[in-house]
Amino acid sequence: MDRERFFASLDSYFERTLAEHGATPKGVDWNSTAAQQLRFGQLLRVVDPGAPFSLVDYGCGYGALVPYLEQRGLDFTLQGFDVSERMLDHARALYDRPGAVAFTSVEEDLAPADYALASGVFNLRIDVDDDAWTAYALETIDSLDRLSRRGFAFNMLTMYSDRERMREDLYYGDPSLFFAYCKEHCSRNVALLHDYDLYEFTILVRKSESSAPTPAGR
């Protein structure tokens, strides 16, 4: 997969959606605010809301997770990462909080945090083939693992979507494959959520000193 070419195509795609819809859920190709917030709620099940926490928002878009967390009174710091500078321009203008919230397009600038979340980063593949995109997704899961101390979560469109509604430019993942990968490579404490009325699934990975996978992957 030619990442430079793909990210350039992605930036052009979101230039169009932002021009049409602005910094809104539709501007990042989500159907609605309600669906976006439902996704956030599933992802945040990996977080302990009763204690302060640090977070990497991997694929942060225009920063919509920030007000979602603030409205719920959570005590957090956040590093937002996205490959689209156009998205980050909106994120910085809307939600930059010195000392608490910052945004970057350079993954190497991210410091490990308590948790890492990725919402929607695996959906739009444009013209990348299934095998190359699956490999890219697994590499990104490795990044989420590396960037988190206590756990991470991500969502993905499901292969169990209605065939007639599937789009050629989107990727529909096998939940079992990604569950097994996380179980074997990241932690023994993995949850697969596929019961919240969207054509997608969420995987939660909880980490502790005792949760590292065994050499046999069990």
C-alpha atoms as a PDB file:
ATOM      1  CA  MET A   1       0.000   0.000   0.000  1.00  0.00           C
ATOM      2  CA  ASP A   2       1.371   3.378  -1.054  1.00  0.00           C
ATOM      3  CA  ARG A   3       0.561   5.351   2.101  1.00  0.00           C
ATOM      4  CA  GLU A   4       1.648   8.733   0.753  1.00  0.00           C
ATOM      5  CA  ARG A   5      -0.632   8.367  -2.262  1.00  0.00           C
ATOM      6  CA  PHE A   6      -3.503   7.065  -0.145  1.00  0.00           C
ATOM      7  CA  PHE A   7      -3.256   9.843   2.446  1.00  0.00           C
ATOM      8  CA  ALA A   8      -3.205  12.439  -0.351  1.00  0.00           C
ATOM      9  CA  SER A   9      -6.393  10.898  -1.774  1.00  0.00           C
ATOM     10  CA  LEU A  10      -7.921  10.869   1.703  1.00  0.00           C
ATOM     11  CA  ASP A  11      -7.104  14.530   2.223  1.00  0.00           C
ATOM     12  CA  SER A  12      -8.729  15.420  -1.100  1.00  0.00           C
ATOM     13  CA  TYR A  13     -11.812  13.386  -0.190  1.00  0.00           C
ATOM     14  CA  PHE A  14     -12.264  15.201   3.105  1.00  0.00           C
ATOM     15  CA  GLU A  15     -11.572  18.550   1.469  1.00  0.00           C
ATOM     16  CA  ARG A  16     -14.778  17.936  -0.476  1.00  0.00           C
ATOM     17  CA  THR A  17     -16.826  16.725   2.502  1.00  0.00           C
ATOM     18  CA  LEU A  18     -15.669  19.611   4.693  1.00  0.00           C
ATOM     19  CA  ALA A  19     -16.459  22.125   1.956  1.00  0.00           C
ATOM     20  CA  GLU A  20     -19.971  20.705   1.680  1.00  0.00           C
ATOM     21  CA  HIS A  21     -20.807  20.008   5.332  1.00  0.00           C
ATOM     22  CA  GLY A  22     -18.234  21.864   7.456  1.00  0.00           C
ATOM     23  CA  ALA A  23     -16.883  20.539  10.766  1.00  0.00           C
ATOM     24  CA  THR A  24     -19.852  18.258  11.434  1.00  0.00           C
ATOM     25  CA  PRO A  25     -20.389  14.479  11.532  1.00  0.00           C
ATOM     26  CA  LYS A  26     -21.270  14.560   7.820  1.00  0.00           C
ATOM     27  CA  GLY A  27     -18.058  16.462   7.183  1.00  0.00           C
ATOM     28  CA  VAL A  28     -16.170  13.353   8.303  1.00  0.00           C
ATOM     29  CA  ASP A  29     -18.577  11.050   6.423  1.00  0.00           C
ATOM     30  CA  TRP A  30     -20.723   9.977   9.387  1.00  0.00           C
ATOM     31  CA  ASN A  31     -24.483   9.791   8.925  1.00  0.00           C
ATOM     32  CA  SER A  32     -25.529  11.837  11.947  1.00  0.00           C
ATOM     33  CA  THR A  33     -24.587  13.289  15.320  1.00  0.00           C
ATOM     34  CA  ALA A  34     -26.618  10.559  17.052  1.00  0.00           C
ATOM     35  CA  ALA A  35     -24.666   7.785  15.308  1.00  0.00           C
ATOM     36  CA  GLN A  36     -21.352   9.512  16.033  1.00  0.00           C
ATOM     37  CA  GLN A  37     -22.186   9.786  19.725  1.00  0.00           C
ATOM     38  CA  LEU A  38     -23.344   6.167  19.861  1.00  0.00           C
ATOM     39  CA  ARG A  39     -19.941   5.155  18.510  1.00  0.00           C
ATOM     40  CA  PHE A  40     -18.135   7.292  21.074  1.00  0.00           C
ATOM     41  CA  GLY A  41     -20.164   5.681  23.844  1.00  0.00           C
ATOM     42  CA  GLN A  42     -19.148   2.188  22.758  1.00  0.00           C
ATOM     43  CA  LEU A  43     -15.468   3.097  22.457  1.00  0.00           C
ATOM     44  CA  LEU A  44     -15.378   4.777  25.858  1.00  0.00           C
ATOM     45  CA  ARG A  45     -16.488   1.595  27.582  1.00  0.00           C
ATOM     46  CA  VAL A  46     -12.773   0.791  27.742  1.00  0.00           C
ATOM     47  CA  VAL A  47     -12.148   3.866  29.938  1.00  0.00           C
ATOM     48  CA  ASP A  48     -12.515   4.103  33.724  1.00  0.00           C
ATOM     49  CA  PRO A  49     -14.615   7.302  33.980  1.00  0.00           C
ATOM     50  CA  GLY A  50     -14.137   7.602  37.733  1.00  0.00           C
ATOM     51  CA  ALA A  51     -10.495   8.648  37.551  1.00  0.00           C
ATOM     52  CA  PRO A  52      -8.496  11.201  35.533  1.00  0.00           C
ATOM     53  CA  PHE A  53      -7.056   9.741  32.344  1.00  0.00           C
ATOM     54  CA  SER A  54      -4.951  10.603  29.318  1.00  0.00           C
ATOM     55  CA  LEU A  55      -6.086   9.675  25.840  1.00  0.00           C
ATOM     56  CA  VAL A  56      -4.851   9.423  22.265  1.00  0.00           C
ATOM     57  CA  ASP A  57      -7.651  10.109  19.765  1.00  0.00           C
ATOM     58  CA  TYR A  58      -6.223   8.338  16.712  1.00  0.00           C
ATOM     59  CA  GLY A  59      -7.918   9.700  13.614  1.00  0.00           C
ATOM     60  CA  CYS A  60      -9.430  12.605  15.533  1.00  0.00           C
ATOM     61  CA  GLY A  61     -10.927  14.436  12.554  1.00  0.00           C
ATOM     62  CA  TYR A  62     -12.194  17.853  13.610  1.00  0.00           C
ATOM     63  CA  GLY A  63     -11.990  16.919  17.314  1.00  0.00           C
ATOM     64  CA  ALA A  64     -15.613  15.961  18.031  1.00  0.00           C
ATOM     65  CA  LEU A  65     -14.578  13.646  20.873  1.00  0.00           C
ATOM     66  CA  VAL A  66     -13.426  16.641  22.961  1.00  0.00           C
ATOM     67  CA  PRO A  67     -16.869  18.203  23.582  1.00  0.00           C
ATOM     68  CA  TYR A  68     -18.355  14.732  24.044  1.00  0.00           C
ATOM     69  CA  LEU A  69     -15.944  14.124  26.937  1.00  0.00           C
ATOM     70  CA  GLU A  70     -16.353  17.628  28.351  1.00  0.00           C
ATOM     71  CA  GLN A  71     -20.143  17.411  28.361  1.00  0.00           C
ATOM     72  CA  ARG A  72     -19.886  14.291  30.517  1.00  0.00           C
ATOM     73  CA  GLY A  73     -17.658  15.983  33.060  1.00  0.00           C
ATOM     74  CA  LEU A  74     -14.707  13.652  32.530  1.00  0.00           C
ATOM     75  CA  ASP A  75     -11.244  14.626  33.760  1.00  0.00           C
ATOM     76  CA  PHE A  76      -8.940  14.029  30.792  1.00  0.00           C
ATOM     77  CA  THR A  77      -6.053  15.177  28.664  1.00  0.00           C
ATOM     78  CA  LEU A  78      -6.088  14.375  24.967  1.00  0.00           C
ATOM     79  CA  GLN A  79      -3.676  14.117  22.064  1.00  0.00           C
ATOM     80  CA  GLY A  80      -5.493  14.147  18.742  1.00  0.00           C
ATOM     81  CA  PHE A  81      -3.832  12.653  15.667  1.00  0.00           C
ATOM     82  CA  ASP A  82      -5.017  12.851  12.071  1.00  0.00           C
ATOM     83  CA  VAL A  83      -3.360  12.659   8.656  1.00  0.00           C
ATOM     84  CA  SER A  84      -5.576  15.437   7.271  1.00  0.00           C
ATOM     85  CA  GLU A  85      -4.240  18.917   7.970  1.00  0.00           C
ATOM     86  CA  ARG A  86      -7.590  20.327   6.849  1.00  0.00           C
ATOM     87  CA  MET A  87      -9.295  18.396   9.626  1.00  0.00           C
ATOM     88  CA  LEU A  88      -6.680  19.478  12.137  1.00  0.00           C
ATOM     89  CA  ASP A  89      -7.125  23.139  11.222  1.00  0.00           C
ATOM     90  CA  HIS A  90     -10.763  22.818  12.291  1.00  0.00           C
ATOM     91  CA  ALA A  91      -9.842  20.813  15.405  1.00  0.00           C
ATOM     92  CA  ARG A  92      -7.306  23.391  16.580  1.00  0.00           C
ATOM     93  CA  ALA A  93      -9.662  26.287  15.950  1.00  0.00           C
ATOM     94  CA  LEU A  94     -12.516  24.625  17.821  1.00  0.00           C
ATOM     95  CA  TYR A  95     -11.000  22.610  20.642  1.00  0.00           C
ATOM     96  CA  ASP A  96      -7.326  23.340  21.277  1.00  0.00           C
ATOM     97  CA  ARG A  97      -6.857  23.546  25.066  1.00  0.00           C
ATOM     98  CA  PRO A  98      -3.291  24.501  26.085  1.00  0.00           C
ATOM     99  CA  GLY A  99      -1.952  21.909  28.497  1.00  0.00           C
ATOM    100  CA  ALA A 100      -4.994  19.656  28.087  1.00  0.00           C
ATOM    101  CA  VAL A 101      -5.843  19.114  24.399  1.00  0.00           C
ATOM    102  CA  ALA A 102      -3.458  19.250  21.439  1.00  0.00           C
ATOM    103  CA  PHE A 103      -3.496  18.013  17.847  1.00  0.00           C
ATOM    104  CA  THR A 104      -0.810  16.745  15.477  1.00  0.00           C
ATOM    105  CA  SER A 105      -0.394  15.111  12.071  1.00  0.00           C
ATOM    106  CA  VAL A 106       2.894  13.468  13.083  1.00  0.00           C
ATOM    107  CA  GLU A 107       2.359  10.085  14.720  1.00  0.00           C
ATOM    108  CA  GLU A 108       5.892  10.084  16.109  1.00  0.00           C
ATOM    109  CA  ASP A 109       4.983  13.143  18.206  1.00  0.00           C
ATOM    110  CA  LEU A 110       2.403  11.151  20.182  1.00  0.00           C
ATOM    111  CA  ALA A 111       3.346  10.067  23.691  1.00  0.00           C
ATOM    112  CA  PRO A 112       1.860   6.874  25.162  1.00  0.00           C
ATOM    113  CA  ALA A 113      -1.324   7.580  27.121  1.00  0.00           C
ATOM    114  CA  ASP A 114      -3.641   5.637  29.402  1.00  0.00           C
ATOM    115  CA  TYR A 115      -5.974   4.876  26.516  1.00  0.00           C
ATOM    116  CA  ALA A 116      -6.094   5.114  22.728  1.00  0.00           C
ATOM    117  CA  LEU A 117      -9.311   5.286  20.703  1.00  0.00           C
ATOM    118  CA  ALA A 118      -9.836   5.064  16.945  1.00  0.00           C
ATOM    119  CA  SER A 119     -13.253   5.814  15.470  1.00  0.00           C
ATOM    120  CA  GLY A 120     -13.831   5.351  11.765  1.00  0.00           C
ATOM    121  CA  VAL A 121     -10.189   5.149  10.727  1.00  0.00           C
ATOM    122  CA  PHE A 122     -10.628   1.782   9.002  1.00  0.00           C
ATOM    123  CA  ASN A 123     -13.739   2.582   6.971  1.00  0.00           C
ATOM    124  CA  LEU A 124     -12.655   4.552   3.904  1.00  0.00           C
ATOM    125  CA  ARG A 125     -10.145   2.598   1.838  1.00  0.00           C
ATOM    126  CA  ILE A 126     -10.884   4.368  -1.479  1.00  0.00           C
ATOM    127  CA  ASP A 127      -9.203   1.979  -3.957  1.00  0.00           C
ATOM    128  CA  VAL A 128      -6.913  -0.089  -1.702  1.00  0.00           C
ATOM    129  CA  ASP A 129      -7.541  -3.841  -2.037  1.00  0.00           C
ATOM    130  CA  ASP A 130      -8.828  -5.965   0.858  1.00  0.00           C
ATOM    131  CA  ASP A 131      -5.554  -7.738   1.658  1.00  0.00           C
ATOM    132  CA  ALA A 132      -3.496  -4.550   1.747  1.00  0.00           C
ATOM    133  CA  TRP A 133      -6.120  -2.776   3.847  1.00  0.00           C
ATOM    134  CA  THR A 134      -6.347  -5.655   6.320  1.00  0.00           C
ATOM    135  CA  ALA A 135      -2.563  -5.518   6.742  1.00  0.00           C
ATOM    136  CA  TYR A 136      -2.751  -1.747   7.254  1.00  0.00           C
ATOM    137  CA  ALA A 137      -5.491  -2.166   9.864  1.00  0.00           C
ATOM    138  CA  LEU A 138      -3.425  -4.707  11.799  1.00  0.00           C
ATOM    139  CA  GLU A 139      -0.415  -2.375  11.732  1.00  0.00           C
ATOM    140  CA  THR A 140      -2.618   0.424  13.057  1.00  0.00           C
ATOM    141  CA  ILE A 141      -3.862  -1.831  15.868  1.00  0.00           C
ATOM    142  CA  ASP A 142      -0.215  -2.390  16.781  1.00  0.00           C
ATOM    143  CA  SER A 143       0.157   1.406  16.972  1.00  0.00           C
ATOM    144  CA  LEU A 144      -2.883   1.677  19.259  1.00  0.00           C
ATOM    145  CA  ASP A 145      -1.373  -1.010  21.473  1.00  0.00           C
ATOM    146  CA  ARG A 146       1.968   0.802  21.602  1.00  0.00           C
ATOM    147  CA  LEU A 147       0.324   4.152  22.369  1.00  0.00           C
ATOM    148  CA  SER A 148      -1.797   2.891  25.284  1.00  0.00           C
ATOM    149  CA  ARG A 149      -0.972   1.689  28.792  1.00  0.00           C
ATOM    150  CA  ARG A 150      -4.372   0.674  30.151  1.00  0.00           C
ATOM    151  CA  GLY A 151      -6.319  -0.163  27.022  1.00  0.00           C
ATOM    152  CA  PHE A 152      -7.502   0.812  23.574  1.00  0.00           C
ATOM    153  CA  ALA A 153     -10.622   0.553  21.442  1.00  0.00           C
ATOM    154  CA  PHE A 154     -11.532   0.842  17.777  1.00  0.00           C
ATOM    155  CA  ASN A 155     -14.531   0.356  15.530  1.00  0.00           C
ATOM    156  CA  MET A 156     -14.923  -0.981  12.021  1.00  0.00           C
ATOM    157  CA  LEU A 157     -17.661  -1.600   9.483  1.00  0.00           C
ATOM    158  CA  THR A 158     -18.732  -5.236   9.584  1.00  0.00           C
ATOM    159  CA  MET A 159     -18.682  -7.862   6.860  1.00  0.00           C
ATOM    160  CA  TYR A 160     -22.193  -8.769   8.063  1.00  0.00           C
ATOM    161  CA  SER A 161     -23.614  -5.582   6.534  1.00  0.00           C
ATOM    162  CA  ASP A 162     -26.389  -5.865   3.946  1.00  0.00           C
ATOM    163  CA  ARG A 163     -24.720  -6.681   0.625  1.00  0.00           C
ATOM    164  CA  GLU A 164     -26.867  -4.302  -1.384  1.00  0.00           C
ATOM    165  CA  ARG A 165     -25.813  -1.398   0.840  1.00  0.00           C
ATOM    166  CA  MET A 166     -22.069  -2.013   0.714  1.00  0.00           C
ATOM    167  CA  ARG A 167     -19.844   0.525  -1.058  1.00  0.00           C
ATOM    168  CA  GLU A 168     -16.756  -0.327  -3.076  1.00  0.00           C
ATOM    169  CA  ASP A 169     -14.703   2.431  -1.445  1.00  0.00           C
ATOM    170  CA  LEU A 170     -15.382   1.170   2.096  1.00  0.00           C
ATOM    171  CA  TYR A 171     -13.805  -1.714   4.014  1.00  0.00           C
ATOM    172  CA  TYR A 172     -15.962  -4.263   5.826  1.00  0.00           C
ATOM    173  CA  GLY A 173     -13.934  -6.209   8.361  1.00  0.00           C
ATOM    174  CA  ASP A 174     -14.239  -9.722   9.752  1.00  0.00           C
ATOM    175  CA  PRO A 175     -14.956  -9.284  13.488  1.00  0.00           C
ATOM    176  CA  SER A 176     -13.511 -12.704  14.330  1.00  0.00           C
ATOM    177  CA  LEU A 177     -10.194 -11.946  12.636  1.00  0.00           C
ATOM    178  CA  PHE A 178      -9.626  -8.698  14.524  1.00  0.00           C
ATOM    179  CA  PHE A 179     -10.831 -10.129  17.831  1.00  0.00           C
ATOM    180  CA  ALA A 180      -8.390 -13.030  17.480  1.00  0.00           C
ATOM    181  CA  TYR A 181      -5.516 -10.719  16.551  1.00  0.00           C
ATOM    182  CA  CYS A 182      -6.063  -8.544  19.620  1.00  0.00           C
ATOM    183  CA  LYS A 183      -6.446 -11.595  21.849  1.00  0.00           C
ATOM    184  CA  GLU A 184      -3.260 -13.215  20.564  1.00  0.00           C
ATOM    185  CA  HIS A 185      -1.048 -10.130  20.251  1.00  0.00           C
ATOM    186  CA  CYS A 186      -2.303  -7.425  22.632  1.00  0.00           C
ATOM    187  CA  SER A 187      -4.117  -8.725  25.714  1.00  0.00           C
ATOM    188  CA  ARG A 188      -6.108 -11.629  27.092  1.00  0.00           C
ATOM    189  CA  ASN A 189      -8.872  -9.179  28.057  1.00  0.00           C
ATOM    190  CA  VAL A 190     -10.668  -8.373  24.807  1.00  0.00           C
ATOM    191  CA  ALA A 191     -14.352  -7.647  24.190  1.00  0.00           C
ATOM    192  CA  LEU A 192     -16.170  -7.668  20.845  1.00  0.00           C
ATOM    193  CA  LEU A 193     -19.297  -5.481  20.702  1.00  0.00           C
ATOM    194  CA  HIS A 194     -21.603  -6.163  17.775  1.00  0.00           C
ATOM    195  CA  ASP A 195     -24.989  -5.378  19.302  1.00  0.00           C
ATOM    196  CA  TYR A 196     -25.672  -1.648  19.010  1.00  0.00           C
ATOM    197  CA  ASP A 197     -27.772  -1.302  15.855  1.00  0.00           C
ATOM    198  CA  LEU A 198     -25.101   0.006  13.477  1.00  0.00           C
ATOM    199  CA  TYR A 199     -23.477  -1.962  10.659  1.00  0.00           C
ATOM    200  CA  GLU A 200     -20.183  -2.122  12.497  1.00  0.00           C
ATOM    201  CA  PHE A 201     -18.457  -3.580  15.529  1.00  0.00           C
ATOM    202  CA  THR A 202     -16.271  -2.222  18.315  1.00  0.00           C
ATOM    203  CA  ILE A 203     -13.365  -4.011  19.962  1.00  0.00           C
ATOM    204  CA  LEU A 204     -12.215  -3.117  23.479  1.00  0.00           C
ATOM    205  CA  VAL A 205      -8.767  -4.191  24.676  1.00  0.00           C
ATOM    206  CA  ARG A 206      -8.050  -3.870  28.396  1.00  0.00           C
ATOM    207  CA  LYS A 207      -4.452  -4.096  29.552  1.00  0.00           C
ATOM    208  CA  SER A 208      -2.757  -4.791  32.868  1.00  0.00           C
ATOM    209  CA  GLU A 209       0.391  -6.519  34.082  1.00  0.00           C
ATOM    210  CA  SER A 210      -1.488  -9.818  34.234  1.00  0.00           C
ATOM    211  CA  SER A 211      -3.348  -9.494  30.922  1.00  0.00           C
ATOM    212  CA  ALA A 212      -0.486  -9.913  28.448  1.00  0.00           C
ATOM    213  CA  PRO A 213      -1.179 -12.725  25.970  1.00  0.00           C
ATOM    214  CA  THR A 214       0.637 -15.990  26.567  1.00  0.00           C
ATOM    215  CA  PRO A 215       3.110 -17.254  23.943  1.00  0.00           C
ATOM    216  CA  ALA A 216       0.428 -19.650  22.724  1.00  0.00           C
ATOM    217  CA  GLY A 217      -2.019 -16.763  22.322  1.00  0.00           C
ATOM    218  CA  ARG A 218      -4.375 -17.919  25.117  1.00  0.00           C
END
